[in-house]
Protein backbone atom coordinates (compact mmCIF):
# COMPACT_ATOMS: atom_id res chain seq x y z
CA MET A 1 0.00 0.00 0.00
CA LEU A 2 1.18 3.52 -0.77
CA TYR A 3 1.20 4.76 2.79
CA GLU A 4 3.95 2.32 3.72
CA ALA A 5 6.46 4.73 2.10
CA SER A 6 4.97 7.77 3.75
CA VAL A 7 8.19 8.86 5.44
CA CYS A 8 9.20 10.15 1.99
CA ARG A 9 5.80 11.50 1.00
CA GLY A 10 5.20 14.38 3.37
CA VAL A 11 4.02 12.97 6.66
CA SER A 12 4.90 13.64 10.25
CA ILE A 13 3.74 11.79 13.33
CA ILE A 14 4.00 12.89 16.95
CA SER A 15 3.02 10.42 19.66
CA ASN A 16 1.75 11.65 23.00
CA THR A 17 0.82 9.35 25.87
CA LYS A 18 1.25 11.51 28.98
CA ALA A 19 -1.63 12.29 31.31
CA HIS A 20 -3.21 15.76 30.96
CA SER A 21 -1.94 15.85 27.40
CA TYR A 22 -2.66 18.57 24.88
CA ALA A 23 -1.85 18.80 21.21
CA LEU A 24 -2.26 21.33 18.41
CA ALA A 25 -1.61 21.16 14.67
CA LEU A 26 -2.00 23.92 12.10
CA HIS A 27 -1.86 24.05 8.33
CA GLY A 28 -1.56 27.01 6.03
CA GLY A 29 -2.49 25.10 2.91
CA ALA A 30 -1.12 22.31 0.73
CA GLY A 31 -0.67 24.58 -2.27
CA ALA A 32 2.98 25.29 -1.51
CA LYS A 33 5.19 25.26 -4.60
CA THR A 34 8.73 23.91 -4.84
CA GLY A 35 11.25 26.73 -5.13
CA GLU A 36 9.21 29.31 -3.21
CA ASN A 37 10.50 30.68 0.09
CA TYR A 38 7.99 30.22 2.89
CA THR A 39 10.22 31.31 5.76
CA ILE A 40 7.89 34.12 6.82
CA VAL A 41 4.94 31.72 6.80
CA GLU A 42 6.79 29.12 8.84
CA GLN A 43 7.74 31.80 11.37
CA HIS A 44 4.12 32.88 11.63
CA LEU A 45 2.92 29.32 12.08
CA SER A 46 5.57 28.70 14.74
CA GLU A 47 4.43 31.80 16.62
CA LEU A 48 0.82 30.71 16.36
CA ALA A 49 1.69 27.26 17.67
CA ALA A 50 3.35 28.86 20.70
CA GLN A 51 0.31 31.09 21.19
CA GLY A 52 -2.00 28.10 20.94
CA GLU A 53 0.14 26.14 23.37
CA ALA A 54 -0.17 28.97 25.89
CA MET A 55 -3.95 28.90 25.50
CA LEU A 56 -4.06 25.15 26.00
CA ASN A 57 -1.83 25.44 29.07
CA GLN A 58 -4.37 27.94 30.43
CA SER A 59 -7.02 25.20 30.07
CA LYS A 60 -8.73 26.96 27.17
CA ALA A 61 -11.23 24.84 25.28
CA ALA A 62 -10.03 23.20 22.07
CA VAL A 63 -12.82 24.86 20.08
CA ASP A 64 -11.70 28.31 21.26
CA VAL A 65 -8.09 27.53 20.35
CA VAL A 66 -8.81 26.33 16.82
CA GLU A 67 -11.06 29.32 16.19
CA GLU A 68 -8.38 31.75 17.39
CA MET A 69 -5.63 30.06 15.36
CA THR A 70 -7.78 30.19 12.23
CA ARG A 71 -8.78 33.82 12.84
CA GLU A 72 -5.11 34.77 13.08
CA MET A 73 -4.33 33.06 9.79
CA GLU A 74 -7.33 34.71 8.10
CA ALA A 75 -6.18 38.16 9.26
CA SER A 76 -2.51 37.75 8.30
CA GLY A 77 -2.78 37.90 4.52
CA LEU A 78 -0.12 35.19 4.30
CA TYR A 79 -2.48 32.41 3.21
CA VAL A 80 -5.30 31.80 0.72
CA ALA A 81 -7.94 32.54 3.34
CA GLY A 82 -9.43 35.73 4.73
CA LYS A 83 -7.27 38.69 3.76
CA GLY A 84 -5.15 36.58 1.38
CA SER A 85 -8.11 35.49 -0.74
CA ALA A 86 -8.47 36.26 -4.44
CA PRO A 87 -11.61 37.27 -6.34
CA ASN A 88 -13.58 34.81 -8.44
CA VAL A 89 -14.05 35.30 -12.18
CA SER A 90 -16.86 37.76 -11.44
CA GLY A 91 -14.53 39.92 -9.34
CA GLN A 92 -16.05 38.98 -5.97
CA VAL A 93 -14.22 37.46 -3.02
CA GLU A 94 -16.25 34.53 -1.70
CA LEU A 95 -15.07 32.76 1.44
CA ASP A 96 -15.81 29.39 3.05
CA ALA A 97 -15.20 28.27 6.64
CA SER A 98 -16.29 25.66 9.15
CA ILE A 99 -15.71 24.70 12.77
CA MET A 100 -16.61 21.65 14.84
CA ASP A 101 -16.54 20.95 18.56
CA GLY A 102 -16.04 17.26 19.09
CA THR A 103 -17.45 17.31 22.63
CA ALA A 104 -21.04 17.00 21.41
CA GLN A 105 -20.31 17.09 17.65
CA GLN A 106 -21.66 20.60 17.29
CA ALA A 107 -20.74 22.30 14.02
CA GLY A 108 -21.17 25.49 12.05
CA ALA A 109 -20.19 26.60 8.56
CA VAL A 110 -20.50 29.39 6.02
CA ALA A 111 -20.13 29.06 2.27
CA ALA A 112 -19.66 31.73 -0.42
CA ILE A 113 -19.86 34.48 2.20
CA ARG A 114 -18.55 37.81 0.93
CA ASP A 115 -16.22 40.35 2.49
CA VAL A 116 -16.26 39.40 6.16
CA VAL A 117 -12.99 39.72 8.06
CA HIS A 118 -13.30 36.42 9.94
CA PRO A 119 -15.40 33.77 8.19
CA VAL A 120 -14.51 31.20 10.86
CA ALA A 121 -15.97 33.46 13.56
CA VAL A 122 -19.22 33.64 11.63
CA ALA A 123 -19.16 29.83 11.32
CA ARG A 124 -18.68 29.64 15.10
CA ALA A 125 -21.71 31.88 15.61
CA VAL A 126 -23.76 29.68 13.28
CA MET A 127 -22.80 26.75 15.50
CA ASP A 128 -23.49 28.53 18.80
CA GLN A 129 -26.35 30.87 17.98
CA SER A 130 -28.47 29.30 15.25
CA PRO A 131 -30.26 25.99 14.63
CA SER A 132 -28.43 25.65 11.29
CA VAL A 133 -25.18 23.92 10.50
CA MET A 134 -24.42 25.84 7.30
CA LEU A 135 -25.46 29.18 5.86
CA ALA A 136 -24.48 30.20 2.33
CA GLY A 137 -24.29 33.25 0.12
CA GLU A 138 -26.67 36.10 0.90
CA GLY A 139 -28.08 34.26 3.91
CA ALA A 140 -24.62 33.92 5.42
CA ASN A 141 -23.93 37.61 4.87
CA ASP A 142 -27.27 38.59 6.40
CA PHE A 143 -26.47 36.46 9.44
CA ALA A 144 -23.02 38.03 9.78
CA GLN A 145 -24.44 41.53 9.51
CA GLY A 146 -27.19 40.77 12.00
CA HIS A 147 -24.65 39.54 14.53
CA GLY A 148 -22.32 42.52 14.12
CA PHE A 149 -19.33 40.82 12.51
CA ALA A 150 -16.64 43.03 11.00
CA THR A 151 -16.85 43.45 7.24
CA VAL A 152 -14.44 44.59 4.53
CA ASP A 153 -15.48 48.08 3.48
CA ASN A 154 -12.93 48.50 0.71
CA PRO A 155 -12.14 45.10 -0.85
CA SER A 156 -9.66 46.46 -3.40
CA ALA A 157 -7.53 47.93 -0.59
CA TYR A 158 -7.96 45.07 1.90
CA TYR A 159 -7.17 41.85 0.06
CA VAL A 160 -3.55 40.99 -0.73
CA LEU A 161 -1.70 38.25 -2.56
CA PRO A 162 -0.51 35.61 -0.08
CA VAL A 163 3.04 34.33 0.03
CA GLY A 164 3.90 32.25 -3.03
CA VAL A 165 0.98 33.48 -5.16
CA SER A 166 1.36 35.71 -8.24
CA GLU A 167 -1.13 37.81 -10.21
CA GLU A 168 -0.99 35.18 -12.93
CA ASP A 169 -1.96 32.46 -10.45
CA VAL A 170 -5.22 34.13 -9.46
CA THR A 171 -6.42 34.54 -13.04
CA VAL A 172 -5.73 30.98 -14.21
CA SER A 173 -8.40 28.39 -13.49
CA ASP A 174 -6.26 25.30 -12.95
CA MET A 175 -7.33 24.29 -9.43
CA GLN A 176 -4.39 25.91 -7.64
CA HIS A 177 -5.47 26.07 -4.04
CA GLY A 178 -4.86 27.20 -0.48
CA THR A 179 -6.63 26.76 2.84
CA VAL A 180 -5.90 27.19 6.55
CA GLY A 181 -6.93 24.99 9.43
CA ALA A 182 -6.32 23.90 12.98
CA VAL A 183 -7.01 20.82 15.11
CA ALA A 184 -6.56 20.61 18.87
CA LEU A 185 -6.86 18.41 21.93
CA ASP A 186 -7.32 20.37 25.14
CA MET A 187 -6.41 19.58 28.75
CA HIS A 188 -9.97 18.37 29.37
CA GLY A 189 -9.66 15.70 26.68
CA ASN A 190 -11.89 17.51 24.17
CA LEU A 191 -11.15 17.80 20.46
CA ALA A 192 -12.02 20.46 17.88
CA ALA A 193 -11.24 21.42 14.28
CA ALA A 194 -11.61 24.51 12.10
CA THR A 195 -10.91 25.24 8.43
CA SER A 196 -11.12 28.41 6.29
CA THR A 197 -10.38 29.23 2.65
CA GLY A 198 -10.67 31.68 -0.19
CA GLY A 199 -11.01 28.71 -2.54
CA VAL A 200 -9.18 27.75 -5.71
CA PHE A 201 -7.78 30.46 -7.97
CA GLY A 202 -9.85 31.50 -10.97
CA LYS A 203 -12.99 29.88 -9.54
CA PRO A 204 -16.48 30.61 -10.91
CA ALA A 205 -18.92 32.59 -8.80
CA GLY A 206 -20.71 30.40 -6.27
CA ARG A 207 -18.11 27.63 -6.33
CA VAL A 208 -17.94 25.77 -3.00
CA GLY A 209 -15.28 23.20 -2.19
CA ASP A 210 -14.83 20.84 0.73
CA THR A 211 -13.90 23.40 3.41
CA PRO A 212 -17.39 24.30 4.68
CA ILE A 213 -18.78 20.78 4.38
CA ILE A 214 -18.83 19.12 7.79
CA GLY A 215 -17.46 15.61 7.47
CA VAL A 216 -15.42 16.46 4.36
CA GLY A 217 -13.24 19.50 4.98
CA THR A 218 -13.63 19.47 8.77
CA TRP A 219 -14.51 16.89 11.39
CA ALA A 220 -14.22 16.45 15.17
CA ASP A 221 -15.70 13.93 17.57
CA GLN A 222 -14.59 12.33 20.82
CA ASP A 223 -11.79 10.38 19.13
CA ILE A 224 -10.30 12.49 16.36
CA ALA A 225 -10.18 16.01 14.90
CA ILE A 226 -9.36 16.62 11.22
CA SER A 227 -8.82 19.56 8.83
CA CYS A 228 -8.26 19.13 5.10
CA THR A 229 -6.64 21.28 2.42
CA GLY A 230 -6.41 20.73 -1.32
CA THR A 231 -8.52 20.47 -4.45
CA GLY A 232 -11.89 20.36 -2.74
CA GLU A 233 -13.84 18.66 -5.53
CA TYR A 234 -11.64 15.58 -5.16
CA PHE A 235 -11.81 15.60 -1.37
CA ILE A 236 -15.61 15.65 -1.61
CA ARG A 237 -15.57 12.70 -3.99
CA ALA A 238 -13.09 10.80 -1.77
CA GLY A 239 -15.13 11.31 1.40
CA GLY A 240 -12.61 13.65 3.03
CA ALA A 241 -12.39 13.90 6.80
CA LEU A 242 -15.02 11.28 7.61
CA THR A 243 -13.14 8.74 5.52
CA VAL A 244 -10.13 9.40 7.74
CA ALA A 245 -12.22 9.20 10.92
CA ASN A 246 -13.89 5.95 9.93
CA ARG A 247 -10.66 4.33 8.81
CA TYR A 248 -9.13 5.27 12.16
CA LYS A 249 -12.05 4.36 14.39
CA LEU A 250 -13.67 1.46 12.56
CA ALA A 251 -11.15 -0.11 10.19
CA GLY A 252 -8.26 -0.32 12.62
CA ASP A 253 -5.90 1.96 10.71
CA THR A 254 -3.24 3.88 12.55
CA LEU A 255 -3.70 7.64 12.39
CA GLU A 256 -1.05 7.85 9.66
CA GLN A 257 -2.59 5.05 7.63
CA ALA A 258 -6.04 6.64 7.84
CA LEU A 259 -4.71 9.91 6.42
CA TRP A 260 -2.97 8.18 3.55
CA HIS A 261 -5.96 6.01 2.63
CA MET A 262 -7.99 9.15 1.99
CA LEU A 263 -5.15 11.04 0.26
CA ASP A 264 -4.48 8.05 -1.98
CA ASP A 265 -8.14 8.12 -3.01
CA VAL A 266 -7.82 11.85 -3.75
CA ALA A 267 -4.74 11.19 -5.88
CA ALA A 268 -6.42 8.34 -7.74
CA LEU A 269 -9.22 10.73 -8.70
CA GLY A 270 -6.71 13.29 -10.00
CA GLY A 271 -6.45 15.69 -7.06
CA ASP A 272 -3.89 16.59 -4.45
CA GLY A 273 -3.72 18.19 -1.03
CA GLY A 274 -3.09 17.44 2.60
CA VAL A 275 -4.69 16.72 5.94
CA ILE A 276 -3.86 17.24 9.61
CA ALA A 277 -5.32 15.27 12.49
CA VAL A 278 -5.03 14.85 16.23
CA SER A 279 -6.40 11.95 18.26
CA SER A 280 -7.86 11.79 21.76
CA SER A 281 -4.54 10.36 22.97
CA GLY A 282 -2.70 13.45 21.70
CA GLU A 283 -1.13 11.84 18.64
CA ILE A 284 -0.63 14.27 15.75
CA ALA A 285 -0.40 13.31 12.07
CA MET A 286 0.15 15.63 9.11
CA ALA A 287 0.34 14.30 5.54
CA PHE A 288 0.23 15.66 2.00
CA ASN A 289 0.68 14.47 -1.58
CA SER A 290 1.30 17.91 -3.11
CA ASP A 291 4.68 19.66 -3.41
CA GLY A 292 4.44 20.85 0.18
CA MET A 293 2.12 21.84 3.01
CA LYS A 294 2.75 24.79 5.32
CA ARG A 295 2.26 23.34 8.79
CA ALA A 296 3.14 23.49 12.46
CA SER A 297 2.50 21.49 15.60
CA VAL A 298 3.04 21.48 19.34
CA SER A 299 2.11 19.24 22.24
CA ASN A 300 2.97 18.66 25.87
CA THR A 301 5.74 16.33 24.64
CA ALA A 302 7.06 18.37 21.69
CA PRO A 303 7.93 22.08 21.32
CA PRO A 304 6.46 24.25 18.55
CA ALA A 305 7.85 23.34 15.13
CA ALA A 306 6.96 24.53 11.64
CA THR A 307 7.93 23.45 8.14
CA THR A 308 6.67 23.32 4.56
CA PHE A 309 8.56 20.69 2.59
CA ALA A 310 8.97 17.31 4.24
CA PRO A 311 12.44 15.85 4.58
CA CYS A 312 13.04 12.23 3.59
CA ARG A 313 14.36 10.33 6.58
């Protein structure tokens, strides 16, 4: 099976068996390109991992940590999410985000929402303050406005090109992609996941990928938390996060094997991307089948570390 060679295919595993364990993993997208310099992104992810670790050490809830990590990435302009998002072919910036609290499997999502500063915060409000799981388009914007969320008043001045993305990239419709996400295990043993994206470059108006779909782009329950990044159409067709969860919980796969089973399905369909996951025991796995994935992790047994291109060991 393909995952048996995963040490050379962009995977990292961190085991964690101590009592009162915590763990956090972040990704800034699996659209990294060989030859680009992502030092500034790796530094940002490392700083976020340290910030998230401090929150977890303060007994903050996993769902609050993943929301805050994702908000920070949305606001930075370094990634294809939030401020770093590009307009669709109609000239509008449409954003997708989702969040899930594994404690009771509560979830919220927004799809094709326009010009809000923090889509993941709106998704959190959908989870906490509405009977819905997902709101899309005009309905998502109406909800955000009604709940007082910050909006982008001058899109042409606000949005920027993220690191590693050129003007040519955003006008070519070839499924180049970027997403951010976070998964965490808190000191109380609870898991959560969040994901946010500006979508693929050159996308048509109204296009929605895997990110806001609970069970595909994002999943968290009592055993595992997962965030995906990549060509969303293929992740949807491959089952995404729930495929990972079911392989891990029901099929007897290790965490690493579960990630690769899903990514191998994505590759077989013609797509690429990555996935991060953390288990209830505090084990972290991060895998990708693209050129690279901007990522970071920290736990009570490992200090903050960030990288983009996996070394072969």
